[in-house]
Amino acid sequence: MKALVSASPFTLIVKNSRFLAELLTTDSAEVARALLTSQREKYPDASHVVHALAIGPTAGVLGCSDDGEPAGTAGRPVLEILKGSGITNVMLTVTRWFGGTKLGTGGLVKAYGDAAKGVLANAVTREIVDMAQFAFTLPYPILEAGKRLLRDNAFTIQTENYTAEGDAIQGELPASQGDTLMRLLGDLSRGQIVIERK
């Protein structure tokens, strides 16, 4: 799964109707509702503010609304495009200003889908990596070698506390590298470092 880092709004004009697609980060249905209310207040002259959302570690919480457009012509196409993106904890809104010409059901599906594709095409994302937390003390005799080992293995130090025994460290690294780190620290200290995995 991916997380949204940033996205620029995308505008599409179809037969004088304007469609503005935007991506907003959200981690709950409550936050999504507040964001949707904010979008409606931001564009009081809009005909419709259609939305789709994907929330949770595997994007298992999904939702959408046609916001007054014919059933299945707006929210569902936007949701399908959003699901295909692999992005989670995000709401995609497509705001429409009616231009005076009806687009028909097929035209609406295409316009809303194209607007969703447009905003996702320029979105900046990052892979969501499962992180593991560790706590241990690096004894002074191996402190420099230990810190070098941590740097070389993408370990992020969050807190350090120098004690009589050494440098008490807490930090994190990708969970997939946890066993390797524990083995390397064990080898370096000849089994003297006690590592607590949180």
N, C-alpha and C. Protein backbone atom coordinates (compact mmCIF):
# COMPACT_ATOMS: atom_id res chain seq x y z
N MET A 1 0.85 -1.19 0.00
CA MET A 1 0.00 0.00 0.00
C MET A 1 0.89 1.24 0.00
N LYS A 2 0.28 2.34 -0.44
CA LYS A 2 1.00 3.60 -0.52
C LYS A 2 0.29 4.66 0.31
N ALA A 3 1.06 5.65 0.75
CA ALA A 3 0.50 6.81 1.45
C ALA A 3 0.69 8.03 0.58
N LEU A 4 -0.23 8.96 0.67
CA LEU A 4 -0.16 10.20 -0.10
C LEU A 4 0.84 11.14 0.56
N VAL A 5 1.76 11.66 -0.23
CA VAL A 5 2.70 12.68 0.25
C VAL A 5 2.18 14.06 -0.16
N SER A 6 1.84 14.23 -1.44
CA SER A 6 1.27 15.48 -1.92
C SER A 6 0.55 15.25 -3.23
N ALA A 7 -0.35 16.18 -3.56
CA ALA A 7 -1.07 16.10 -4.84
C ALA A 7 -1.56 17.49 -5.21
N SER A 8 -1.49 17.80 -6.48
CA SER A 8 -2.01 19.06 -6.99
C SER A 8 -3.43 18.82 -7.50
N PRO A 9 -4.30 19.80 -7.35
CA PRO A 9 -5.66 19.65 -7.90
C PRO A 9 -5.60 19.47 -9.42
N PHE A 10 -6.59 18.80 -9.96
CA PHE A 10 -6.67 18.56 -11.41
C PHE A 10 -8.03 19.04 -11.90
N THR A 11 -8.02 19.85 -12.96
CA THR A 11 -9.27 20.38 -13.51
C THR A 11 -9.51 19.81 -14.91
N LEU A 12 -10.77 19.45 -15.16
CA LEU A 12 -11.18 18.90 -16.44
C LEU A 12 -12.45 19.65 -16.87
N ILE A 13 -12.50 20.09 -18.11
CA ILE A 13 -13.69 20.74 -18.65
C ILE A 13 -14.32 19.80 -19.68
N VAL A 14 -15.60 19.49 -19.50
CA VAL A 14 -16.33 18.64 -20.44
C VAL A 14 -17.66 19.33 -20.75
N LYS A 15 -17.84 19.77 -21.99
CA LYS A 15 -19.06 20.46 -22.43
C LYS A 15 -19.47 21.56 -21.45
N ASN A 16 -18.52 22.41 -21.13
CA ASN A 16 -18.71 23.56 -20.23
C ASN A 16 -18.90 23.21 -18.76
N SER A 17 -18.98 21.93 -18.42
CA SER A 17 -18.99 21.55 -17.00
C SER A 17 -17.54 21.45 -16.54
N ARG A 18 -17.28 22.00 -15.37
CA ARG A 18 -15.92 21.94 -14.83
C ARG A 18 -15.88 20.91 -13.71
N PHE A 19 -14.87 20.05 -13.76
CA PHE A 19 -14.66 19.01 -12.74
C PHE A 19 -13.31 19.28 -12.08
N LEU A 20 -13.31 19.46 -10.77
CA LEU A 20 -12.09 19.72 -10.00
C LEU A 20 -11.84 18.53 -9.08
N ALA A 21 -10.76 17.78 -9.34
CA ALA A 21 -10.43 16.60 -8.52
C ALA A 21 -9.33 16.96 -7.54
N GLU A 22 -9.51 16.53 -6.27
CA GLU A 22 -8.53 16.80 -5.22
C GLU A 22 -8.36 15.56 -4.35
N LEU A 23 -7.14 15.38 -3.84
CA LEU A 23 -6.83 14.29 -2.91
C LEU A 23 -6.56 14.87 -1.53
N LEU A 24 -7.16 14.28 -0.50
CA LEU A 24 -7.01 14.74 0.88
C LEU A 24 -6.68 13.55 1.76
N THR A 25 -5.74 13.70 2.66
CA THR A 25 -5.39 12.59 3.56
C THR A 25 -6.40 12.51 4.71
N THR A 26 -6.73 11.29 5.08
CA THR A 26 -7.65 11.04 6.19
C THR A 26 -7.35 9.66 6.77
N ASP A 27 -7.48 9.53 8.07
CA ASP A 27 -7.24 8.22 8.68
C ASP A 27 -8.47 7.65 9.36
N SER A 28 -9.62 8.33 9.18
CA SER A 28 -10.85 7.83 9.77
C SER A 28 -12.05 8.38 9.02
N ALA A 29 -13.19 7.70 9.19
CA ALA A 29 -14.43 8.15 8.55
C ALA A 29 -14.85 9.50 9.12
N GLU A 30 -14.57 9.74 10.41
CA GLU A 30 -14.95 11.02 11.04
C GLU A 30 -14.18 12.17 10.40
N VAL A 31 -12.87 11.97 10.21
CA VAL A 31 -12.05 13.02 9.58
C VAL A 31 -12.52 13.23 8.14
N ALA A 32 -12.85 12.14 7.45
CA ALA A 32 -13.33 12.24 6.07
C ALA A 32 -14.61 13.06 5.99
N ARG A 33 -15.53 12.84 6.93
CA ARG A 33 -16.78 13.61 6.95
C ARG A 33 -16.50 15.10 7.13
N ALA A 34 -15.57 15.40 8.04
CA ALA A 34 -15.22 16.82 8.27
C ALA A 34 -14.57 17.42 7.03
N LEU A 35 -13.72 16.66 6.36
CA LEU A 35 -13.09 17.15 5.13
C LEU A 35 -14.12 17.39 4.04
N LEU A 36 -15.09 16.50 3.93
CA LEU A 36 -16.13 16.64 2.92
C LEU A 36 -16.98 17.88 3.18
N THR A 37 -17.32 18.11 4.44
CA THR A 37 -18.06 19.31 4.81
C THR A 37 -17.26 20.55 4.44
N SER A 38 -15.97 20.51 4.71
CA SER A 38 -15.09 21.64 4.38
C SER A 38 -15.05 21.88 2.87
N GLN A 39 -15.00 20.80 2.09
CA GLN A 39 -14.99 20.94 0.63
C GLN A 39 -16.29 21.59 0.14
N ARG A 40 -17.41 21.18 0.72
CA ARG A 40 -18.70 21.76 0.32
C ARG A 40 -18.78 23.24 0.69
N GLU A 41 -18.22 23.59 1.85
CA GLU A 41 -18.21 25.00 2.26
C GLU A 41 -17.26 25.83 1.40
N LYS A 42 -16.19 25.21 0.94
CA LYS A 42 -15.20 25.90 0.11
C LYS A 42 -15.76 26.23 -1.28
N TYR A 43 -16.66 25.37 -1.77
CA TYR A 43 -17.22 25.55 -3.11
C TYR A 43 -18.76 25.62 -3.02
N PRO A 44 -19.31 26.69 -2.42
CA PRO A 44 -20.77 26.75 -2.23
C PRO A 44 -21.55 26.85 -3.54
N ASP A 45 -20.89 27.27 -4.62
CA ASP A 45 -21.57 27.41 -5.91
C ASP A 45 -21.51 26.14 -6.76
N ALA A 46 -20.88 25.09 -6.26
CA ALA A 46 -20.73 23.84 -7.02
C ALA A 46 -22.05 23.09 -7.07
N SER A 47 -22.25 22.35 -8.17
CA SER A 47 -23.46 21.54 -8.33
C SER A 47 -23.37 20.25 -7.51
N HIS A 48 -22.17 19.64 -7.48
CA HIS A 48 -21.98 18.36 -6.78
C HIS A 48 -20.56 18.30 -6.22
N VAL A 49 -20.41 17.66 -5.06
CA VAL A 49 -19.09 17.33 -4.52
C VAL A 49 -19.10 15.82 -4.28
N VAL A 50 -18.66 15.09 -5.29
CA VAL A 50 -18.62 13.63 -5.27
C VAL A 50 -17.36 13.20 -4.54
N HIS A 51 -17.43 12.10 -3.81
CA HIS A 51 -16.21 11.65 -3.12
C HIS A 51 -16.11 10.12 -3.10
N ALA A 52 -14.87 9.68 -2.90
CA ALA A 52 -14.58 8.27 -2.65
C ALA A 52 -13.45 8.24 -1.63
N LEU A 53 -13.43 7.21 -0.79
CA LEU A 53 -12.37 7.13 0.21
C LEU A 53 -11.90 5.71 0.41
N ALA A 54 -10.64 5.61 0.82
CA ALA A 54 -10.01 4.33 1.16
C ALA A 54 -9.21 4.55 2.44
N ILE A 55 -9.53 3.79 3.48
CA ILE A 55 -8.91 3.98 4.79
C ILE A 55 -8.47 2.63 5.36
N GLY A 56 -7.38 2.65 6.11
CA GLY A 56 -6.91 1.46 6.82
C GLY A 56 -5.63 0.91 6.21
N PRO A 57 -4.95 0.03 6.95
CA PRO A 57 -3.66 -0.49 6.51
C PRO A 57 -3.72 -1.19 5.15
N THR A 58 -4.87 -1.79 4.83
CA THR A 58 -5.01 -2.46 3.53
C THR A 58 -6.11 -1.81 2.70
N ALA A 59 -6.46 -0.57 3.04
CA ALA A 59 -7.55 0.15 2.37
C ALA A 59 -8.85 -0.64 2.44
N GLY A 60 -9.07 -1.30 3.58
CA GLY A 60 -10.25 -2.14 3.76
C GLY A 60 -11.54 -1.38 3.99
N VAL A 61 -11.44 -0.11 4.42
CA VAL A 61 -12.63 0.71 4.62
C VAL A 61 -12.79 1.57 3.37
N LEU A 62 -13.86 1.30 2.62
CA LEU A 62 -14.10 2.00 1.37
C LEU A 62 -15.45 2.68 1.42
N GLY A 63 -15.59 3.79 0.71
CA GLY A 63 -16.87 4.47 0.66
C GLY A 63 -16.92 5.43 -0.51
N CYS A 64 -18.14 5.78 -0.92
CA CYS A 64 -18.27 6.76 -1.99
C CYS A 64 -19.68 7.33 -1.99
N SER A 65 -19.86 8.45 -2.68
CA SER A 65 -21.18 9.07 -2.81
C SER A 65 -21.28 9.74 -4.17
N ASP A 66 -22.47 9.63 -4.78
CA ASP A 66 -22.74 10.31 -6.05
C ASP A 66 -23.16 11.76 -5.84
N ASP A 67 -23.49 12.13 -4.62
CA ASP A 67 -23.90 13.49 -4.26
C ASP A 67 -24.91 14.08 -5.25
N GLY A 68 -25.97 13.33 -5.52
CA GLY A 68 -27.04 13.86 -6.36
C GLY A 68 -26.92 13.54 -7.84
N GLU A 69 -25.78 13.05 -8.28
CA GLU A 69 -25.67 12.61 -9.67
C GLU A 69 -26.43 11.27 -9.79
N PRO A 70 -26.82 10.87 -11.02
CA PRO A 70 -27.52 9.58 -11.15
C PRO A 70 -26.70 8.44 -10.53
N ALA A 71 -27.40 7.52 -9.87
CA ALA A 71 -26.75 6.43 -9.13
C ALA A 71 -25.72 5.70 -9.98
N GLY A 72 -24.52 5.54 -9.41
CA GLY A 72 -23.46 4.77 -10.05
C GLY A 72 -22.66 5.51 -11.11
N THR A 73 -22.97 6.80 -11.36
CA THR A 73 -22.28 7.52 -12.44
C THR A 73 -21.10 8.35 -11.96
N ALA A 74 -20.96 8.52 -10.64
CA ALA A 74 -19.93 9.44 -10.15
C ALA A 74 -19.06 8.82 -9.06
N GLY A 75 -19.65 8.52 -7.91
CA GLY A 75 -18.88 7.99 -6.79
C GLY A 75 -18.24 6.66 -7.08
N ARG A 76 -18.99 5.75 -7.72
CA ARG A 76 -18.47 4.40 -8.00
C ARG A 76 -17.27 4.46 -8.96
N PRO A 77 -17.34 5.20 -10.09
CA PRO A 77 -16.16 5.27 -10.97
C PRO A 77 -14.94 5.88 -10.27
N VAL A 78 -15.18 6.90 -9.44
CA VAL A 78 -14.07 7.53 -8.71
C VAL A 78 -13.47 6.52 -7.73
N LEU A 79 -14.32 5.75 -7.03
CA LEU A 79 -13.84 4.75 -6.08
C LEU A 79 -13.02 3.66 -6.79
N GLU A 80 -13.49 3.21 -7.94
CA GLU A 80 -12.76 2.17 -8.67
C GLU A 80 -11.36 2.65 -9.07
N ILE A 81 -11.26 3.89 -9.52
CA ILE A 81 -9.96 4.46 -9.90
C ILE A 81 -9.08 4.58 -8.64
N LEU A 82 -9.66 5.03 -7.53
CA LEU A 82 -8.91 5.17 -6.28
C LEU A 82 -8.41 3.81 -5.80
N LYS A 83 -9.26 2.79 -5.84
CA LYS A 83 -8.84 1.44 -5.41
C LYS A 83 -7.66 0.95 -6.24
N GLY A 84 -7.70 1.21 -7.53
CA GLY A 84 -6.63 0.78 -8.41
C GLY A 84 -5.30 1.48 -8.17
N SER A 85 -5.32 2.61 -7.47
CA SER A 85 -4.09 3.37 -7.23
C SER A 85 -3.22 2.75 -6.13
N GLY A 86 -3.83 1.95 -5.23
CA GLY A 86 -3.07 1.35 -4.13
C GLY A 86 -2.77 2.34 -3.01
N ILE A 87 -3.42 3.51 -3.03
CA ILE A 87 -3.21 4.51 -1.97
C ILE A 87 -4.26 4.31 -0.89
N THR A 88 -3.85 4.41 0.36
CA THR A 88 -4.78 4.30 1.47
C THR A 88 -4.74 5.56 2.32
N ASN A 89 -5.72 5.66 3.22
CA ASN A 89 -5.89 6.82 4.09
C ASN A 89 -5.99 8.10 3.28
N VAL A 90 -6.91 8.05 2.32
CA VAL A 90 -7.08 9.19 1.41
C VAL A 90 -8.55 9.31 0.99
N MET A 91 -8.97 10.55 0.75
CA MET A 91 -10.28 10.82 0.16
C MET A 91 -10.06 11.58 -1.13
N LEU A 92 -10.74 11.15 -2.18
CA LEU A 92 -10.66 11.81 -3.47
C LEU A 92 -12.00 12.48 -3.71
N THR A 93 -11.99 13.81 -3.85
CA THR A 93 -13.23 14.53 -4.15
C THR A 93 -13.16 15.03 -5.58
N VAL A 94 -14.32 15.00 -6.26
CA VAL A 94 -14.46 15.61 -7.58
C VAL A 94 -15.64 16.57 -7.48
N THR A 95 -15.33 17.85 -7.55
CA THR A 95 -16.34 18.90 -7.47
C THR A 95 -16.76 19.28 -8.89
N ARG A 96 -18.06 19.34 -9.13
CA ARG A 96 -18.56 19.66 -10.47
C ARG A 96 -19.39 20.93 -10.45
N TRP A 97 -19.09 21.78 -11.42
CA TRP A 97 -19.91 22.95 -11.70
C TRP A 97 -20.61 22.66 -13.02
N PHE A 98 -21.94 22.58 -13.01
CA PHE A 98 -22.71 22.21 -14.19
C PHE A 98 -22.61 23.31 -15.24
N GLY A 99 -22.34 22.90 -16.47
CA GLY A 99 -22.13 23.87 -17.55
C GLY A 99 -23.30 24.06 -18.47
N GLY A 100 -24.46 23.47 -18.15
CA GLY A 100 -25.64 23.70 -18.96
C GLY A 100 -25.97 22.59 -19.94
N THR A 101 -25.05 21.65 -20.15
CA THR A 101 -25.29 20.54 -21.07
C THR A 101 -25.23 19.23 -20.30
N LYS A 102 -26.30 18.44 -20.40
CA LYS A 102 -26.30 17.13 -19.74
C LYS A 102 -25.32 16.21 -20.45
N LEU A 103 -24.59 15.41 -19.67
CA LEU A 103 -23.57 14.53 -20.24
C LEU A 103 -24.06 13.10 -20.44
N GLY A 104 -25.20 12.76 -19.88
CA GLY A 104 -25.67 11.38 -19.96
C GLY A 104 -24.89 10.50 -19.01
N THR A 105 -25.39 9.29 -18.75
CA THR A 105 -24.73 8.42 -17.77
C THR A 105 -23.32 8.05 -18.20
N GLY A 106 -23.16 7.68 -19.46
CA GLY A 106 -21.82 7.31 -19.95
C GLY A 106 -20.86 8.48 -19.89
N GLY A 107 -21.34 9.67 -20.23
CA GLY A 107 -20.50 10.87 -20.18
C GLY A 107 -20.08 11.22 -18.76
N LEU A 108 -21.00 11.03 -17.80
CA LEU A 108 -20.67 11.31 -16.40
C LEU A 108 -19.63 10.33 -15.88
N VAL A 109 -19.83 9.04 -16.17
CA VAL A 109 -18.87 8.02 -15.73
C VAL A 109 -17.48 8.36 -16.26
N LYS A 110 -17.41 8.71 -17.54
CA LYS A 110 -16.11 9.03 -18.16
C LYS A 110 -15.51 10.30 -17.55
N ALA A 111 -16.31 11.34 -17.38
CA ALA A 111 -15.79 12.60 -16.86
C ALA A 111 -15.28 12.45 -15.42
N TYR A 112 -16.07 11.81 -14.57
CA TYR A 112 -15.63 11.62 -13.18
C TYR A 112 -14.41 10.70 -13.11
N GLY A 113 -14.42 9.64 -13.91
CA GLY A 113 -13.26 8.73 -13.94
C GLY A 113 -12.01 9.43 -14.44
N ASP A 114 -12.15 10.24 -15.50
CA ASP A 114 -10.99 10.96 -16.05
C ASP A 114 -10.44 11.99 -15.05
N ALA A 115 -11.35 12.65 -14.33
CA ALA A 115 -10.90 13.61 -13.32
C ALA A 115 -10.11 12.90 -12.21
N ALA A 116 -10.62 11.73 -11.77
CA ALA A 116 -9.93 10.96 -10.74
C ALA A 116 -8.56 10.50 -11.23
N LYS A 117 -8.50 10.01 -12.47
CA LYS A 117 -7.22 9.58 -13.04
C LYS A 117 -6.24 10.76 -13.11
N GLY A 118 -6.75 11.92 -13.48
CA GLY A 118 -5.90 13.10 -13.61
C GLY A 118 -5.23 13.52 -12.31
N VAL A 119 -6.00 13.54 -11.21
CA VAL A 119 -5.41 13.95 -9.94
C VAL A 119 -4.44 12.89 -9.42
N LEU A 120 -4.75 11.62 -9.67
CA LEU A 120 -3.86 10.55 -9.22
C LEU A 120 -2.57 10.50 -10.03
N ALA A 121 -2.63 10.93 -11.28
CA ALA A 121 -1.45 10.88 -12.14
C ALA A 121 -0.32 11.77 -11.63
N ASN A 122 -0.68 12.88 -10.97
CA ASN A 122 0.39 13.76 -10.48
C ASN A 122 0.60 13.66 -8.96
N ALA A 123 -0.04 12.67 -8.34
CA ALA A 123 0.12 12.50 -6.89
C ALA A 123 1.51 11.94 -6.57
N VAL A 124 2.09 12.45 -5.50
CA VAL A 124 3.37 11.94 -4.99
C VAL A 124 3.03 11.03 -3.82
N THR A 125 3.51 9.78 -3.89
CA THR A 125 3.21 8.80 -2.84
C THR A 125 4.50 8.17 -2.33
N ARG A 126 4.36 7.43 -1.23
CA ARG A 126 5.48 6.65 -0.71
C ARG A 126 4.92 5.31 -0.25
N GLU A 127 5.76 4.29 -0.36
CA GLU A 127 5.36 2.97 0.11
C GLU A 127 5.22 3.00 1.63
N ILE A 128 4.20 2.34 2.14
CA ILE A 128 4.03 2.23 3.59
C ILE A 128 4.84 1.02 4.03
N VAL A 129 5.79 1.27 4.92
CA VAL A 129 6.68 0.21 5.39
C VAL A 129 6.36 -0.07 6.86
N ASP A 130 6.18 -1.35 7.17
CA ASP A 130 5.96 -1.77 8.55
C ASP A 130 7.24 -1.52 9.34
N MET A 131 7.15 -0.76 10.41
CA MET A 131 8.34 -0.45 11.21
C MET A 131 8.30 -1.24 12.53
N ALA A 132 9.49 -1.56 13.03
CA ALA A 132 9.62 -2.26 14.32
C ALA A 132 10.45 -1.38 15.26
N GLN A 133 10.08 -1.39 16.52
CA GLN A 133 10.75 -0.59 17.55
C GLN A 133 11.71 -1.49 18.34
N PHE A 134 12.88 -0.94 18.65
CA PHE A 134 13.88 -1.68 19.42
C PHE A 134 14.47 -0.79 20.50
N ALA A 135 14.88 -1.42 21.60
CA ALA A 135 15.58 -0.73 22.68
C ALA A 135 16.74 -1.62 23.13
N PHE A 136 17.92 -1.02 23.32
CA PHE A 136 19.10 -1.76 23.75
C PHE A 136 20.15 -0.76 24.21
N THR A 137 21.19 -1.27 24.86
CA THR A 137 22.30 -0.43 25.30
C THR A 137 23.57 -0.88 24.58
N LEU A 138 24.21 0.08 23.91
CA LEU A 138 25.49 -0.19 23.25
C LEU A 138 26.60 0.07 24.27
N PRO A 139 27.37 -0.95 24.66
CA PRO A 139 28.48 -0.73 25.60
C PRO A 139 29.52 0.21 24.99
N TYR A 140 30.18 1.00 25.83
CA TYR A 140 31.15 1.99 25.34
C TYR A 140 32.26 1.40 24.46
N PRO A 141 32.81 0.21 24.79
CA PRO A 141 33.90 -0.31 23.94
C PRO A 141 33.49 -0.54 22.48
N ILE A 142 32.21 -0.76 22.22
CA ILE A 142 31.78 -1.00 20.82
C ILE A 142 30.83 0.10 20.33
N LEU A 143 30.83 1.24 21.01
CA LEU A 143 29.88 2.30 20.70
C LEU A 143 29.99 2.79 19.26
N GLU A 144 31.19 3.13 18.83
CA GLU A 144 31.35 3.67 17.47
C GLU A 144 31.01 2.63 16.41
N ALA A 145 31.49 1.41 16.60
CA ALA A 145 31.19 0.34 15.65
C ALA A 145 29.69 0.05 15.63
N GLY A 146 29.07 0.11 16.80
CA GLY A 146 27.63 -0.13 16.89
C GLY A 146 26.82 0.92 16.19
N LYS A 147 27.21 2.19 16.35
CA LYS A 147 26.47 3.28 15.70
C LYS A 147 26.66 3.22 14.18
N ARG A 148 27.83 2.83 13.75
CA ARG A 148 28.08 2.67 12.31
C ARG A 148 27.19 1.56 11.76
N LEU A 149 27.09 0.45 12.50
CA LEU A 149 26.23 -0.66 12.11
C LEU A 149 24.77 -0.20 12.00
N LEU A 150 24.32 0.61 12.96
CA LEU A 150 22.94 1.11 12.94
C LEU A 150 22.70 1.99 11.70
N ARG A 151 23.64 2.89 11.43
CA ARG A 151 23.52 3.77 10.24
C ARG A 151 23.46 2.94 8.97
N ASP A 152 24.34 1.95 8.86
CA ASP A 152 24.42 1.13 7.65
C ASP A 152 23.17 0.27 7.43
N ASN A 153 22.37 0.08 8.48
CA ASN A 153 21.19 -0.78 8.38
C ASN A 153 19.88 0.00 8.51
N ALA A 154 19.91 1.30 8.18
CA ALA A 154 18.72 2.15 8.13
C ALA A 154 17.97 2.23 9.46
N PHE A 155 18.71 2.13 10.58
CA PHE A 155 18.10 2.25 11.90
C PHE A 155 17.98 3.73 12.25
N THR A 156 16.80 4.16 12.66
CA THR A 156 16.58 5.54 13.06
C THR A 156 16.58 5.63 14.58
N ILE A 157 17.55 6.35 15.13
CA ILE A 157 17.63 6.53 16.59
C ILE A 157 16.61 7.60 16.99
N GLN A 158 15.74 7.24 17.93
CA GLN A 158 14.73 8.20 18.40
C GLN A 158 15.14 8.84 19.73
N THR A 159 15.71 8.03 20.62
CA THR A 159 16.20 8.58 21.89
C THR A 159 17.52 7.91 22.26
N GLU A 160 18.37 8.68 22.93
CA GLU A 160 19.64 8.15 23.45
C GLU A 160 19.78 8.64 24.89
N ASN A 161 20.36 7.78 25.74
CA ASN A 161 20.58 8.15 27.13
C ASN A 161 21.89 7.50 27.59
N TYR A 162 22.90 8.31 27.83
CA TYR A 162 24.20 7.77 28.24
C TYR A 162 24.14 7.39 29.71
N THR A 163 24.47 6.12 29.98
CA THR A 163 24.44 5.58 31.34
C THR A 163 25.83 5.04 31.67
N ALA A 164 25.97 4.47 32.84
CA ALA A 164 27.26 3.89 33.24
C ALA A 164 27.64 2.70 32.35
N GLU A 165 26.64 1.99 31.83
CA GLU A 165 26.89 0.80 31.01
C GLU A 165 27.17 1.13 29.55
N GLY A 166 26.65 2.26 29.08
CA GLY A 166 26.81 2.62 27.67
C GLY A 166 25.70 3.55 27.21
N ASP A 167 25.45 3.55 25.90
CA ASP A 167 24.44 4.42 25.32
C ASP A 167 23.14 3.63 25.17
N ALA A 168 22.13 4.00 25.98
CA ALA A 168 20.82 3.35 25.91
C ALA A 168 20.05 3.97 24.75
N ILE A 169 19.74 3.15 23.76
CA ILE A 169 19.15 3.63 22.51
C ILE A 169 17.77 3.04 22.31
N GLN A 170 16.87 3.89 21.83
CA GLN A 170 15.57 3.42 21.36
C GLN A 170 15.40 3.94 19.95
N GLY A 171 14.84 3.12 19.08
CA GLY A 171 14.65 3.56 17.71
C GLY A 171 13.88 2.55 16.90
N GLU A 172 13.89 2.75 15.57
CA GLU A 172 13.11 1.89 14.71
C GLU A 172 13.81 1.64 13.38
N LEU A 173 13.36 0.60 12.72
CA LEU A 173 13.80 0.29 11.36
C LEU A 173 12.73 -0.58 10.72
N PRO A 174 12.76 -0.75 9.40
CA PRO A 174 11.76 -1.60 8.76
C PRO A 174 11.72 -2.98 9.42
N ALA A 175 10.51 -3.46 9.72
CA ALA A 175 10.34 -4.72 10.44
C ALA A 175 11.04 -5.88 9.74
N SER A 176 11.11 -5.83 8.43
CA SER A 176 11.74 -6.92 7.68
C SER A 176 13.24 -7.03 7.96
N GLN A 177 13.84 -5.96 8.51
CA GLN A 177 15.27 -5.97 8.80
C GLN A 177 15.58 -6.22 10.27
N GLY A 178 14.53 -6.43 11.08
CA GLY A 178 14.71 -6.58 12.51
C GLY A 178 15.59 -7.75 12.91
N ASP A 179 15.35 -8.92 12.34
CA ASP A 179 16.13 -10.10 12.69
C ASP A 179 17.61 -9.93 12.33
N THR A 180 17.84 -9.31 11.18
CA THR A 180 19.22 -9.06 10.75
C THR A 180 19.93 -8.14 11.73
N LEU A 181 19.25 -7.07 12.15
CA LEU A 181 19.86 -6.14 13.10
C LEU A 181 20.18 -6.85 14.41
N MET A 182 19.25 -7.64 14.90
CA MET A 182 19.47 -8.34 16.17
C MET A 182 20.68 -9.28 16.06
N ARG A 183 20.79 -9.97 14.94
CA ARG A 183 21.93 -10.88 14.75
C ARG A 183 23.23 -10.09 14.67
N LEU A 184 23.26 -8.99 13.92
CA LEU A 184 24.49 -8.19 13.78
C LEU A 184 24.94 -7.59 15.10
N LEU A 185 23.97 -7.07 15.87
CA LEU A 185 24.33 -6.51 17.19
C LEU A 185 24.81 -7.62 18.14
N GLY A 186 24.18 -8.77 18.04
CA GLY A 186 24.61 -9.91 18.86
C GLY A 186 26.03 -10.34 18.52
N ASP A 187 26.34 -10.40 17.21
CA ASP A 187 27.69 -10.76 16.77
C ASP A 187 28.71 -9.73 17.23
N LEU A 188 28.36 -8.45 17.07
CA LEU A 188 29.28 -7.36 17.43
C LEU A 188 29.62 -7.39 18.93
N SER A 189 28.62 -7.69 19.76
CA SER A 189 28.82 -7.64 21.21
C SER A 189 29.13 -9.01 21.80
N ARG A 190 29.27 -10.01 20.93
CA ARG A 190 29.47 -11.39 21.39
C ARG A 190 28.36 -11.82 22.35
N GLY A 191 27.13 -11.43 21.99
CA GLY A 191 25.96 -11.84 22.76
C GLY A 191 25.69 -11.06 24.02
N GLN A 192 26.43 -9.95 24.25
CA GLN A 192 26.26 -9.21 25.51
C GLN A 192 25.09 -8.22 25.46
N ILE A 193 24.71 -7.77 24.25
CA ILE A 193 23.62 -6.78 24.16
C ILE A 193 22.28 -7.49 24.29
N VAL A 194 21.46 -6.98 25.20
CA VAL A 194 20.11 -7.48 25.36
C VAL A 194 19.19 -6.54 24.56
N ILE A 195 18.54 -7.09 23.56
CA ILE A 195 17.69 -6.27 22.67
C ILE A 195 16.24 -6.53 22.97
N GLU A 196 15.52 -5.44 23.21
CA GLU A 196 14.10 -5.54 23.46
C GLU A 196 13.35 -5.06 22.22
N ARG A 197 12.56 -5.95 21.65
CA ARG A 197 11.76 -5.59 20.48
C ARG A 197 10.37 -5.18 20.96
N LYS A 198 9.95 -3.99 20.60
CA LYS A 198 8.68 -3.48 21.13
C LYS A 198 7.56 -3.63 20.12
